Amino acid sequence: MKKEKSLKVKWDEIIKILSIKFNDGENLDIEAIIYLIGLQELGRINLKFRKDQKIDLMHIAICRLLEPYGYYQFNYTDKDGWPHYKVLTKLPNLKSGEQTLLMKEAIINYFSQKQLIQ
């Protein structure tokens, strides 16, 4: 129970910080945060992206977020600067709530490593 409360407190802190910085204080959803992480990992924030590139950015973020869990491993950066990952372990079949919890935990770990939160 304590872990869940800690997770919620940290998640709320991330939402608050990112929402103020990127969305004029309006709360960002988890997909928007994953997209921002994709932008961060690509390292080119001020570009316009096509719809398929936005999906690719989210994929990059998910791979990066789940890399510490052993699901993906960074493979290489292509000639256009896009990172590529290889699958190490297939993701387990998780219910929607379990997926969300895993992603929130991974996002919290990511921003803890980046020292956005403690």
PDB file of N, CA and C in Angstrom:
ATOM      1  N   MET A   1       0.831  -1.202   0.000  1.00  0.00           N
ATOM      2  CA  MET A   1       0.000   0.000   0.000  1.00  0.00           C
ATOM      3  C   MET A   1       0.872   1.261   0.000  1.00  0.00           C
ATOM      4  N   LYS A   2       1.941   1.256   0.791  1.00  0.00           N
ATOM      5  CA  LYS A   2       2.830   2.406   0.853  1.00  0.00           C
ATOM      6  C   LYS A   2       3.481   2.683  -0.497  1.00  0.00           C
ATOM      7  N   LYS A   3       3.860   1.603  -1.224  1.00  0.00           N
ATOM      8  CA  LYS A   3       4.483   1.771  -2.536  1.00  0.00           C
ATOM      9  C   LYS A   3       3.516   2.474  -3.485  1.00  0.00           C
ATOM     10  N   GLU A   4       2.249   2.091  -3.482  1.00  0.00           N
ATOM     11  CA  GLU A   4       1.257   2.710  -4.353  1.00  0.00           C
ATOM     12  C   GLU A   4       1.097   4.193  -4.029  1.00  0.00           C
ATOM     13  N   LYS A   5       1.086   4.524  -2.744  1.00  0.00           N
ATOM     14  CA  LYS A   5       0.946   5.914  -2.356  1.00  0.00           C
ATOM     15  C   LYS A   5       2.168   6.704  -2.811  1.00  0.00           C
ATOM     16  N   SER A   6       3.334   6.138  -2.624  1.00  0.00           N
ATOM     17  CA  SER A   6       4.562   6.780  -3.063  1.00  0.00           C
ATOM     18  C   SER A   6       4.547   6.967  -4.573  1.00  0.00           C
ATOM     19  N   LEU A   7       4.083   5.949  -5.300  1.00  0.00           N
ATOM     20  CA  LEU A   7       3.973   6.011  -6.745  1.00  0.00           C
ATOM     21  C   LEU A   7       3.026   7.143  -7.145  1.00  0.00           C
ATOM     22  N   LYS A   8       1.887   7.242  -6.461  1.00  0.00           N
ATOM     23  CA  LYS A   8       0.916   8.288  -6.777  1.00  0.00           C
ATOM     24  C   LYS A   8       1.487   9.668  -6.501  1.00  0.00           C
ATOM     25  N   VAL A   9       2.167   9.830  -5.402  1.00  0.00           N
ATOM     26  CA  VAL A   9       2.753  11.126  -5.054  1.00  0.00           C
ATOM     27  C   VAL A   9       3.793  11.526  -6.100  1.00  0.00           C
ATOM     28  N   LYS A  10       4.646  10.588  -6.483  1.00  0.00           N
ATOM     29  CA  LYS A  10       5.675  10.874  -7.488  1.00  0.00           C
ATOM     30  C   LYS A  10       5.041  11.146  -8.853  1.00  0.00           C
ATOM     31  N   TRP A  11       4.017  10.372  -9.209  1.00  0.00           N
ATOM     32  CA  TRP A  11       3.329  10.576 -10.481  1.00  0.00           C
ATOM     33  C   TRP A  11       2.701  11.972 -10.523  1.00  0.00           C
ATOM     34  N   ASP A  12       2.028  12.353  -9.446  1.00  0.00           N
ATOM     35  CA  ASP A  12       1.403  13.674  -9.383  1.00  0.00           C
ATOM     36  C   ASP A  12       2.449  14.781  -9.504  1.00  0.00           C
ATOM     37  N   GLU A  13       3.617  14.560  -8.918  1.00  0.00           N
ATOM     38  CA  GLU A  13       4.704  15.544  -9.006  1.00  0.00           C
ATOM     39  C   GLU A  13       5.183  15.704 -10.457  1.00  0.00           C
ATOM     40  N   ILE A  14       5.332  14.579 -11.153  1.00  0.00           N
ATOM     41  CA  ILE A  14       5.740  14.615 -12.562  1.00  0.00           C
ATOM     42  C   ILE A  14       4.689  15.340 -13.398  1.00  0.00           C
ATOM     43  N   ILE A  15       3.427  14.993 -13.197  1.00  0.00           N
ATOM     44  CA  ILE A  15       2.325  15.638 -13.927  1.00  0.00           C
ATOM     45  C   ILE A  15       2.382  17.153 -13.719  1.00  0.00           C
ATOM     46  N   LYS A  16       2.541  17.558 -12.478  1.00  0.00           N
ATOM     47  CA  LYS A  16       2.553  18.988 -12.157  1.00  0.00           C
ATOM     48  C   LYS A  16       3.726  19.687 -12.845  1.00  0.00           C
ATOM     49  N   ILE A  17       4.923  19.153 -12.704  1.00  0.00           N
ATOM     50  CA  ILE A  17       6.120  19.780 -13.286  1.00  0.00           C
ATOM     51  C   ILE A  17       6.004  19.880 -14.804  1.00  0.00           C
ATOM     52  N   LEU A  18       5.668  18.776 -15.455  1.00  0.00           N
ATOM     53  CA  LEU A  18       5.608  18.758 -16.919  1.00  0.00           C
ATOM     54  C   LEU A  18       4.445  19.583 -17.450  1.00  0.00           C
ATOM     55  N   SER A  19       3.329  19.561 -16.749  1.00  0.00           N
ATOM     56  CA  SER A  19       2.161  20.322 -17.193  1.00  0.00           C
ATOM     57  C   SER A  19       2.425  21.823 -17.141  1.00  0.00           C
ATOM     58  N   ILE A  20       3.131  22.262 -16.117  1.00  0.00           N
ATOM     59  CA  ILE A  20       3.482  23.681 -16.019  1.00  0.00           C
ATOM     60  C   ILE A  20       4.471  24.049 -17.127  1.00  0.00           C
ATOM     61  N   LYS A  21       5.451  23.196 -17.335  1.00  0.00           N
ATOM     62  CA  LYS A  21       6.500  23.496 -18.310  1.00  0.00           C
ATOM     63  C   LYS A  21       6.019  23.418 -19.760  1.00  0.00           C
ATOM     64  N   PHE A  22       5.157  22.451 -20.071  1.00  0.00           N
ATOM     65  CA  PHE A  22       4.807  22.193 -21.466  1.00  0.00           C
ATOM     66  C   PHE A  22       3.348  22.425 -21.846  1.00  0.00           C
ATOM     67  N   ASN A  23       2.477  22.674 -20.875  1.00  0.00           N
ATOM     68  CA  ASN A  23       1.047  22.740 -21.219  1.00  0.00           C
ATOM     69  C   ASN A  23       0.309  23.823 -20.432  1.00  0.00           C
ATOM     70  N   ASP A  24       0.974  24.912 -20.133  1.00  0.00           N
ATOM     71  CA  ASP A  24       0.364  26.047 -19.418  1.00  0.00           C
ATOM     72  C   ASP A  24      -0.395  25.617 -18.166  1.00  0.00           C
ATOM     73  N   GLY A  25       0.095  24.583 -17.495  1.00  0.00           N
ATOM     74  CA  GLY A  25      -0.505  24.148 -16.243  1.00  0.00           C
ATOM     75  C   GLY A  25      -1.640  23.160 -16.368  1.00  0.00           C
ATOM     76  N   GLU A  26      -2.159  22.962 -17.601  1.00  0.00           N
ATOM     77  CA  GLU A  26      -3.214  21.951 -17.780  1.00  0.00           C
ATOM     78  C   GLU A  26      -2.578  20.574 -17.757  1.00  0.00           C
ATOM     79  N   ASN A  27      -3.177  19.659 -17.001  1.00  0.00           N
ATOM     80  CA  ASN A  27      -2.586  18.344 -16.814  1.00  0.00           C
ATOM     81  C   ASN A  27      -2.383  17.596 -18.129  1.00  0.00           C
ATOM     82  N   LEU A  28      -1.184  17.081 -18.294  1.00  0.00           N
ATOM     83  CA  LEU A  28      -0.858  16.214 -19.430  1.00  0.00           C
ATOM     84  C   LEU A  28      -1.315  14.801 -19.112  1.00  0.00           C
ATOM     85  N   ASP A  29      -1.697  14.046 -20.131  1.00  0.00           N
ATOM     86  CA  ASP A  29      -2.015  12.635 -19.911  1.00  0.00           C
ATOM     87  C   ASP A  29      -0.757  11.797 -20.148  1.00  0.00           C
ATOM     88  N   ILE A  30      -0.859  10.525 -19.872  1.00  0.00           N
ATOM     89  CA  ILE A  30       0.299   9.641 -19.962  1.00  0.00           C
ATOM     90  C   ILE A  30       0.851   9.565 -21.391  1.00  0.00           C
ATOM     91  N   GLU A  31      -0.034   9.616 -22.390  1.00  0.00           N
ATOM     92  CA  GLU A  31       0.428   9.573 -23.782  1.00  0.00           C
ATOM     93  C   GLU A  31       1.255  10.807 -24.122  1.00  0.00           C
ATOM     94  N   ALA A  32       0.844  11.962 -23.637  1.00  0.00           N
ATOM     95  CA  ALA A  32       1.596  13.195 -23.881  1.00  0.00           C
ATOM     96  C   ALA A  32       2.970  13.132 -23.215  1.00  0.00           C
ATOM     97  N   ILE A  33       3.023  12.550 -22.032  1.00  0.00           N
ATOM     98  CA  ILE A  33       4.302  12.422 -21.332  1.00  0.00           C
ATOM     99  C   ILE A  33       5.220  11.450 -22.069  1.00  0.00           C
ATOM    100  N   ILE A  34       4.658  10.364 -22.567  1.00  0.00           N
ATOM    101  CA  ILE A  34       5.451   9.410 -23.355  1.00  0.00           C
ATOM    102  C   ILE A  34       5.980  10.102 -24.615  1.00  0.00           C
ATOM    103  N   TYR A  35       5.154  10.906 -25.248  1.00  0.00           N
ATOM    104  CA  TYR A  35       5.579  11.655 -26.433  1.00  0.00           C
ATOM    105  C   TYR A  35       6.742  12.592 -26.090  1.00  0.00           C
ATOM    106  N   LEU A  36       6.635  13.309 -24.965  1.00  0.00           N
ATOM    107  CA  LEU A  36       7.706  14.214 -24.541  1.00  0.00           C
ATOM    108  C   LEU A  36       9.004  13.461 -24.294  1.00  0.00           C
ATOM    109  N   ILE A  37       8.900  12.267 -23.721  1.00  0.00           N
ATOM    110  CA  ILE A  37      10.095  11.451 -23.496  1.00  0.00           C
ATOM    111  C   ILE A  37      10.702  11.042 -24.839  1.00  0.00           C
ATOM    112  N   GLY A  38       9.866  10.708 -25.805  1.00  0.00           N
ATOM    113  CA  GLY A  38      10.347  10.393 -27.146  1.00  0.00           C
ATOM    114  C   GLY A  38      11.108  11.562 -27.750  1.00  0.00           C
ATOM    115  N   LEU A  39      10.571  12.762 -27.594  1.00  0.00           N
ATOM    116  CA  LEU A  39      11.260  13.964 -28.068  1.00  0.00           C
ATOM    117  C   LEU A  39      12.610  14.128 -27.375  1.00  0.00           C
ATOM    118  N   GLN A  40      12.612  13.931 -26.077  1.00  0.00           N
ATOM    119  CA  GLN A  40      13.839  14.040 -25.290  1.00  0.00           C
ATOM    120  C   GLN A  40      14.887  13.049 -25.777  1.00  0.00           C
ATOM    121  N   GLU A  41      14.466  11.821 -26.003  1.00  0.00           N
ATOM    122  CA  GLU A  41      15.401  10.777 -26.435  1.00  0.00           C
ATOM    123  C   GLU A  41      15.900  11.021 -27.856  1.00  0.00           C
ATOM    124  N   LEU A  42      15.067  11.575 -28.716  1.00  0.00           N
ATOM    125  CA  LEU A  42      15.502  11.903 -30.072  1.00  0.00           C
ATOM    126  C   LEU A  42      16.457  13.094 -30.041  1.00  0.00           C
ATOM    127  N   GLY A  43      16.180  14.020 -29.126  1.00  0.00           N
ATOM    128  CA  GLY A  43      17.059  15.164 -28.968  1.00  0.00           C
ATOM    129  C   GLY A  43      16.797  16.307 -29.934  1.00  0.00           C
ATOM    130  N   ARG A  44      15.687  16.240 -30.627  1.00  0.00           N
ATOM    131  CA  ARG A  44      15.322  17.313 -31.559  1.00  0.00           C
ATOM    132  C   ARG A  44      13.902  17.752 -31.235  1.00  0.00           C
ATOM    133  N   ILE A  45      13.792  18.733 -30.398  1.00  0.00           N
ATOM    134  CA  ILE A  45      12.494  19.104 -29.845  1.00  0.00           C
ATOM    135  C   ILE A  45      11.714  20.060 -30.740  1.00  0.00           C
ATOM    136  N   ASN A  46      12.363  20.925 -31.465  1.00  0.00           N
ATOM    137  CA  ASN A  46      11.668  21.990 -32.188  1.00  0.00           C
ATOM    138  C   ASN A  46      11.334  21.659 -33.639  1.00  0.00           C
ATOM    139  N   LEU A  47      11.218  20.403 -33.958  1.00  0.00           N
ATOM    140  CA  LEU A  47      10.860  20.007 -35.320  1.00  0.00           C
ATOM    141  C   LEU A  47       9.363  19.726 -35.415  1.00  0.00           C
ATOM    142  N   LYS A  48       8.837  19.808 -36.617  1.00  0.00           N
ATOM    143  CA  LYS A  48       7.459  19.377 -36.880  1.00  0.00           C
ATOM    144  C   LYS A  48       7.520  17.911 -37.302  1.00  0.00           C
ATOM    145  N   PHE A  49       6.636  17.109 -36.755  1.00  0.00           N
ATOM    146  CA  PHE A  49       6.637  15.681 -37.053  1.00  0.00           C
ATOM    147  C   PHE A  49       5.329  15.272 -37.709  1.00  0.00           C
ATOM    148  N   ARG A  50       5.446  14.352 -38.664  1.00  0.00           N
ATOM    149  CA  ARG A  50       4.265  13.752 -39.273  1.00  0.00           C
ATOM    150  C   ARG A  50       3.644  12.786 -38.258  1.00  0.00           C
ATOM    151  N   LYS A  51       2.418  12.368 -38.535  1.00  0.00           N
ATOM    152  CA  LYS A  51       1.710  11.463 -37.626  1.00  0.00           C
ATOM    153  C   LYS A  51       2.509  10.176 -37.390  1.00  0.00           C
ATOM    154  N   ASP A  52       3.061   9.581 -38.469  1.00  0.00           N
ATOM    155  CA  ASP A  52       3.820   8.341 -38.300  1.00  0.00           C
ATOM    156  C   ASP A  52       5.094   8.572 -37.488  1.00  0.00           C
ATOM    157  N   GLN A  53       5.685   9.750 -37.609  1.00  0.00           N
ATOM    158  CA  GLN A  53       6.876  10.058 -36.820  1.00  0.00           C
ATOM    159  C   GLN A  53       6.509  10.251 -35.346  1.00  0.00           C
ATOM    160  N   LYS A  54       5.336  10.802 -35.079  1.00  0.00           N
ATOM    161  CA  LYS A  54       4.886  10.954 -33.694  1.00  0.00           C
ATOM    162  C   LYS A  54       4.695   9.582 -33.049  1.00  0.00           C
ATOM    163  N   ILE A  55       4.164   8.644 -33.809  1.00  0.00           N
ATOM    164  CA  ILE A  55       4.017   7.273 -33.312  1.00  0.00           C
ATOM    165  C   ILE A  55       5.397   6.665 -33.062  1.00  0.00           C
ATOM    166  N   ASP A  56       6.338   6.923 -33.973  1.00  0.00           N
ATOM    167  CA  ASP A  56       7.713   6.445 -33.789  1.00  0.00           C
ATOM    168  C   ASP A  56       8.346   7.042 -32.534  1.00  0.00           C
ATOM    169  N   LEU A  57       8.079   8.318 -32.270  1.00  0.00           N
ATOM    170  CA  LEU A  57       8.607   8.958 -31.066  1.00  0.00           C
ATOM    171  C   LEU A  57       8.075   8.277 -29.805  1.00  0.00           C
ATOM    172  N   MET A  58       6.804   7.937 -29.827  1.00  0.00           N
ATOM    173  CA  MET A  58       6.218   7.249 -28.670  1.00  0.00           C
ATOM    174  C   MET A  58       6.823   5.853 -28.520  1.00  0.00           C
ATOM    175  N   HIS A  59       7.088   5.197 -29.638  1.00  0.00           N
ATOM    176  CA  HIS A  59       7.721   3.874 -29.594  1.00  0.00           C
ATOM    177  C   HIS A  59       9.131   3.970 -29.001  1.00  0.00           C
ATOM    178  N   ILE A  60       9.888   4.986 -29.420  1.00  0.00           N
ATOM    179  CA  ILE A  60      11.223   5.208 -28.861  1.00  0.00           C
ATOM    180  C   ILE A  60      11.125   5.373 -27.350  1.00  0.00           C
ATOM    181  N   ALA A  61      10.168   6.180 -26.916  1.00  0.00           N
ATOM    182  CA  ALA A  61       9.995   6.422 -25.484  1.00  0.00           C
ATOM    183  C   ALA A  61       9.665   5.137 -24.736  1.00  0.00           C
ATOM    184  N   ILE A  62       8.757   4.359 -25.274  1.00  0.00           N
ATOM    185  CA  ILE A  62       8.362   3.114 -24.609  1.00  0.00           C
ATOM    186  C   ILE A  62       9.550   2.163 -24.517  1.00  0.00           C
ATOM    187  N   CYS A  63      10.306   2.056 -25.592  1.00  0.00           N
ATOM    188  CA  CYS A  63      11.500   1.193 -25.568  1.00  0.00           C
ATOM    189  C   CYS A  63      12.483   1.680 -24.510  1.00  0.00           C
ATOM    190  N   ARG A  64      12.715   2.990 -24.480  1.00  0.00           N
ATOM    191  CA  ARG A  64      13.658   3.558 -23.506  1.00  0.00           C
ATOM    192  C   ARG A  64      13.149   3.352 -22.086  1.00  0.00           C
ATOM    193  N   LEU A  65      11.860   3.550 -21.876  1.00  0.00           N
ATOM    194  CA  LEU A  65      11.283   3.394 -20.540  1.00  0.00           C
ATOM    195  C   LEU A  65      11.345   1.956 -20.044  1.00  0.00           C
ATOM    196  N   LEU A  66      11.163   1.006 -20.962  1.00  0.00           N
ATOM    197  CA  LEU A  66      11.130  -0.405 -20.558  1.00  0.00           C
ATOM    198  C   LEU A  66      12.488  -1.094 -20.673  1.00  0.00           C
ATOM    199  N   GLU A  67      13.488  -0.372 -21.157  1.00  0.00           N
ATOM    200  CA  GLU A  67      14.837  -0.929 -21.261  1.00  0.00           C
ATOM    201  C   GLU A  67      15.382  -1.406 -19.905  1.00  0.00           C
ATOM    202  N   PRO A  68      15.240  -0.612 -18.818  1.00  0.00           N
ATOM    203  CA  PRO A  68      15.755  -1.077 -17.523  1.00  0.00           C
ATOM    204  C   PRO A  68      15.059  -2.336 -16.995  1.00  0.00           C
ATOM    205  N   TYR A  69      13.896  -2.651 -17.534  1.00  0.00           N
ATOM    206  CA  TYR A  69      13.147  -3.833 -17.105  1.00  0.00           C
ATOM    207  C   TYR A  69      13.547  -5.076 -17.898  1.00  0.00           C
ATOM    208  N   GLY A  70      14.447  -4.893 -18.865  1.00  0.00           N
ATOM    209  CA  GLY A  70      14.939  -6.028 -19.643  1.00  0.00           C
ATOM    210  C   GLY A  70      14.109  -6.394 -20.861  1.00  0.00           C
ATOM    211  N   TYR A  71      13.186  -5.525 -21.250  1.00  0.00           N
ATOM    212  CA  TYR A  71      12.350  -5.825 -22.410  1.00  0.00           C
ATOM    213  C   TYR A  71      12.995  -5.373 -23.724  1.00  0.00           C
ATOM    214  N   TYR A  72      13.748  -4.289 -23.668  1.00  0.00           N
ATOM    215  CA  TYR A  72      14.386  -3.753 -24.868  1.00  0.00           C
ATOM    216  C   TYR A  72      15.844  -3.430 -24.570  1.00  0.00           C
ATOM    217  N   GLN A  73      16.630  -3.334 -25.641  1.00  0.00           N
ATOM    218  CA  GLN A  73      18.020  -2.907 -25.517  1.00  0.00           C
ATOM    219  C   GLN A  73      18.311  -1.944 -26.665  1.00  0.00           C
ATOM    220  N   PHE A  74      18.980  -0.837 -26.328  1.00  0.00           N
ATOM    221  CA  PHE A  74      19.364   0.100 -27.369  1.00  0.00           C
ATOM    222  C   PHE A  74      20.244  -0.637 -28.364  1.00  0.00           C
ATOM    223  N   ASN A  75      19.984  -0.436 -29.656  1.00  0.00           N
ATOM    224  CA  ASN A  75      20.709  -1.145 -30.700  1.00  0.00           C
ATOM    225  C   ASN A  75      21.637  -0.197 -31.459  1.00  0.00           C
ATOM    226  N   TYR A  76      21.086   0.857 -32.038  1.00  0.00           N
ATOM    227  CA  TYR A  76      21.898   1.812 -32.792  1.00  0.00           C
ATOM    228  C   TYR A  76      21.094   3.073 -33.084  1.00  0.00           C
ATOM    229  N   THR A  77      21.782   4.093 -33.539  1.00  0.00           N
ATOM    230  CA  THR A  77      21.142   5.312 -34.020  1.00  0.00           C
ATOM    231  C   THR A  77      21.326   5.341 -35.523  1.00  0.00           C
ATOM    232  N   ASP A  78      20.230   5.555 -36.261  1.00  0.00           N
ATOM    233  CA  ASP A  78      20.325   5.540 -37.725  1.00  0.00           C
ATOM    234  C   ASP A  78      20.929   6.849 -38.247  1.00  0.00           C
ATOM    235  N   LYS A  79      21.109   6.920 -39.564  1.00  0.00           N
ATOM    236  CA  LYS A  79      21.775   8.076 -40.177  1.00  0.00           C
ATOM    237  C   LYS A  79      21.009   9.381 -39.965  1.00  0.00           C
ATOM    238  N   ASP A  80      19.701   9.284 -39.686  1.00  0.00           N
ATOM    239  CA  ASP A  80      18.885  10.471 -39.431  1.00  0.00           C
ATOM    240  C   ASP A  80      18.819  10.831 -37.946  1.00  0.00           C
ATOM    241  N   GLY A  81      19.538  10.077 -37.120  1.00  0.00           N
ATOM    242  CA  GLY A  81      19.594  10.367 -35.693  1.00  0.00           C
ATOM    243  C   GLY A  81      18.517   9.718 -34.849  1.00  0.00           C
ATOM    244  N   TRP A  82      17.745   8.793 -35.434  1.00  0.00           N
ATOM    245  CA  TRP A  82      16.674   8.133 -34.691  1.00  0.00           C
ATOM    246  C   TRP A  82      17.230   6.888 -33.993  1.00  0.00           C
ATOM    247  N   PRO A  83      16.996   6.767 -32.685  1.00  0.00           N
ATOM    248  CA  PRO A  83      17.454   5.566 -31.968  1.00  0.00           C
ATOM    249  C   PRO A  83      16.599   4.347 -32.313  1.00  0.00           C
ATOM    250  N   HIS A  84      17.245   3.193 -32.322  1.00  0.00           N
ATOM    251  CA  HIS A  84      16.555   1.927 -32.572  1.00  0.00           C
ATOM    252  C   HIS A  84      16.878   0.958 -31.443  1.00  0.00           C
ATOM    253  N   TYR A  85      15.875   0.192 -31.072  1.00  0.00           N
ATOM    254  CA  TYR A  85      15.992  -0.775 -29.991  1.00  0.00           C
ATOM    255  C   TYR A  85      15.672  -2.158 -30.516  1.00  0.00           C
ATOM    256  N   LYS A  86      16.222  -3.159 -29.857  1.00  0.00           N
ATOM    257  CA  LYS A  86      15.848  -4.524 -30.195  1.00  0.00           C
ATOM    258  C   LYS A  86      15.104  -5.124 -29.008  1.00  0.00           C
ATOM    259  N   VAL A  87      14.184  -6.017 -29.314  1.00  0.00           N
ATOM    260  CA  VAL A  87      13.386  -6.687 -28.287  1.00  0.00           C
ATOM    261  C   VAL A  87      14.246  -7.775 -27.647  1.00  0.00           C
ATOM    262  N   LEU A  88      14.328  -7.746 -26.325  1.00  0.00           N
ATOM    263  CA  LEU A  88      15.049  -8.790 -25.590  1.00  0.00           C
ATOM    264  C   LEU A  88      14.087  -9.839 -25.050  1.00  0.00           C
ATOM    265  N   THR A  89      12.987  -9.361 -24.511  1.00  0.00           N
ATOM    266  CA  THR A  89      11.968 -10.233 -23.931  1.00  0.00           C
ATOM    267  C   THR A  89      10.607  -9.695 -24.332  1.00  0.00           C
ATOM    268  N   LYS A  90       9.740 -10.594 -24.744  1.00  0.00           N
ATOM    269  CA  LYS A  90       8.382 -10.188 -25.113  1.00  0.00           C
ATOM    270  C   LYS A  90       7.660  -9.664 -23.874  1.00  0.00           C
ATOM    271  N   LEU A  91       6.936  -8.584 -24.064  1.00  0.00           N
ATOM    272  CA  LEU A  91       6.161  -8.035 -22.953  1.00  0.00           C
ATOM    273  C   LEU A  91       5.085  -9.032 -22.530  1.00  0.00           C
ATOM    274  N   PRO A  92       4.852  -9.155 -21.231  1.00  0.00           N
ATOM    275  CA  PRO A  92       3.791 -10.056 -20.781  1.00  0.00           C
ATOM    276  C   PRO A  92       2.426  -9.488 -21.140  1.00  0.00           C
ATOM    277  N   ASN A  93       1.439 -10.353 -21.206  1.00  0.00           N
ATOM    278  CA  ASN A  93       0.066  -9.900 -21.424  1.00  0.00           C
ATOM    279  C   ASN A  93      -0.433  -9.280 -20.129  1.00  0.00           C
ATOM    280  N   LEU A  94      -0.605  -7.966 -20.173  1.00  0.00           N
ATOM    281  CA  LEU A  94      -1.056  -7.240 -18.998  1.00  0.00           C
ATOM    282  C   LEU A  94      -2.422  -6.636 -19.277  1.00  0.00           C
ATOM    283  N   LYS A  95      -3.233  -6.555 -18.235  1.00  0.00           N
ATOM    284  CA  LYS A  95      -4.502  -5.846 -18.342  1.00  0.00           C
ATOM    285  C   LYS A  95      -4.195  -4.358 -18.464  1.00  0.00           C
ATOM    286  N   SER A  96      -5.154  -3.600 -18.947  1.00  0.00           N
ATOM    287  CA  SER A  96      -4.961  -2.168 -19.188  1.00  0.00           C
ATOM    288  C   SER A  96      -4.428  -1.445 -17.946  1.00  0.00           C
ATOM    289  N   GLY A  97      -5.014  -1.691 -16.808  1.00  0.00           N
ATOM    290  CA  GLY A  97      -4.574  -1.047 -15.569  1.00  0.00           C
ATOM    291  C   GLY A  97      -3.153  -1.437 -15.200  1.00  0.00           C
ATOM    292  N   GLU A  98      -2.795  -2.687 -15.450  1.00  0.00           N
ATOM    293  CA  GLU A  98      -1.436  -3.159 -15.168  1.00  0.00           C
ATOM    294  C   GLU A  98      -0.432  -2.497 -16.115  1.00  0.00           C
ATOM    295  N   GLN A  99      -0.827  -2.331 -17.390  1.00  0.00           N
ATOM    296  CA  GLN A  99       0.033  -1.641 -18.354  1.00  0.00           C
ATOM    297  C   GLN A  99       0.283  -0.205 -17.911  1.00  0.00           C
ATOM    298  N   THR A 100      -0.784   0.457 -17.513  1.00  0.00           N
ATOM    299  CA  THR A 100      -0.674   1.846 -17.076  1.00  0.00           C
ATOM    300  C   THR A 100       0.228   1.955 -15.854  1.00  0.00           C
ATOM    301  N   LEU A 101       0.063   1.055 -14.917  1.00  0.00           N
ATOM    302  CA  LEU A 101       0.885   1.064 -13.715  1.00  0.00           C
ATOM    303  C   LEU A 101       2.361   0.842 -14.057  1.00  0.00           C
ATOM    304  N   LEU A 102       2.641  -0.104 -14.944  1.00  0.00           N
ATOM    305  CA  LEU A 102       4.017  -0.360 -15.371  1.00  0.00           C
ATOM    306  C   LEU A 102       4.611   0.881 -16.034  1.00  0.00           C
ATOM    307  N   MET A 103       3.855   1.515 -16.917  1.00  0.00           N
ATOM    308  CA  MET A 103       4.359   2.696 -17.613  1.00  0.00           C
ATOM    309  C   MET A 103       4.566   3.864 -16.645  1.00  0.00           C
ATOM    310  N   LYS A 104       3.654   4.054 -15.710  1.00  0.00           N
ATOM    311  CA  LYS A 104       3.826   5.127 -14.723  1.00  0.00           C
ATOM    312  C   LYS A 104       5.083   4.887 -13.899  1.00  0.00           C
ATOM    313  N   GLU A 105       5.284   3.645 -13.468  1.00  0.00           N
ATOM    314  CA  GLU A 105       6.480   3.301 -12.700  1.00  0.00           C
ATOM    315  C   GLU A 105       7.746   3.554 -13.527  1.00  0.00           C
ATOM    316  N   ALA A 106       7.713   3.166 -14.795  1.00  0.00           N
ATOM    317  CA  ALA A 106       8.867   3.359 -15.674  1.00  0.00           C
ATOM    318  C   ALA A 106       9.128   4.853 -15.910  1.00  0.00           C
ATOM    319  N   ILE A 107       8.067   5.639 -16.053  1.00  0.00           N
ATOM    320  CA  ILE A 107       8.211   7.088 -16.240  1.00  0.00           C
ATOM    321  C   ILE A 107       8.794   7.722 -14.979  1.00  0.00           C
ATOM    322  N   ILE A 108       8.315   7.298 -13.827  1.00  0.00           N
ATOM    323  CA  ILE A 108       8.859   7.807 -12.561  1.00  0.00           C
ATOM    324  C   ILE A 108      10.345   7.468 -12.463  1.00  0.00           C
ATOM    325  N   ASN A 109      10.721   6.243 -12.794  1.00  0.00           N
ATOM    326  CA  ASN A 109      12.131   5.857 -12.767  1.00  0.00           C
ATOM    327  C   ASN A 109      12.954   6.695 -13.734  1.00  0.00           C
ATOM    328  N   TYR A 110      12.409   6.939 -14.928  1.00  0.00           N
ATOM    329  CA  TYR A 110      13.090   7.742 -15.947  1.00  0.00           C
ATOM    330  C   TYR A 110      13.373   9.146 -15.412  1.00  0.00           C
ATOM    331  N   PHE A 111      12.348   9.782 -14.867  1.00  0.00           N
ATOM    332  CA  PHE A 111      12.529  11.154 -14.387  1.00  0.00           C
ATOM    333  C   PHE A 111      13.322  11.205 -13.083  1.00  0.00           C
ATOM    334  N   SER A 112      13.330  10.130 -12.326  1.00  0.00           N
ATOM    335  CA  SER A 112      14.211  10.065 -11.157  1.00  0.00           C
ATOM    336  C   SER A 112      15.663  10.028 -11.614  1.00  0.00           C
ATOM    337  N   GLN A 113      15.943   9.221 -12.652  1.00  0.00           N
ATOM    338  CA  GLN A 113      17.303   9.150 -13.207  1.00  0.00           C
ATOM    339  C   GLN A 113      17.727  10.499 -13.786  1.00  0.00           C
ATOM    340  N   LYS A 114      16.789  11.202 -14.402  1.00  0.00           N
ATOM    341  CA  LYS A 114      17.076  12.524 -14.984  1.00  0.00           C
ATOM    342  C   LYS A 114      17.094  13.613 -13.912  1.00  0.00           C
ATOM    343  N   GLN A 115      16.828  13.233 -12.673  1.00  0.00           N
ATOM    344  CA  GLN A 115      16.821  14.100 -11.503  1.00  0.00           C
ATOM    345  C   GLN A 115      15.776  15.219 -11.577  1.00  0.00           C
ATOM    346  N   LEU A 116      14.669  14.921 -12.249  1.00  0.00           N
ATOM    347  CA  LEU A 116      13.545  15.853 -12.253  1.00  0.00           C
ATOM    348  C   LEU A 116      12.798  15.737 -10.914  1.00  0.00           C
ATOM    349  N   ILE A 117      12.746  14.504 -10.406  1.00  0.00           N
ATOM    350  CA  ILE A 117      12.113  14.253  -9.103  1.00  0.00           C
ATOM    351  C   ILE A 117      13.063  13.398  -8.271  1.00  0.00           C
ATOM    352  N   GLN A 118      12.761  13.307  -6.986  1.00  0.00           N
ATOM    353  CA  GLN A 118      13.560  12.451  -6.107  1.00  0.00           C
ATOM    354  C   GLN A 118      12.756  11.282  -5.621  1.00  0.00           C
TER     355      GLN A 118
END
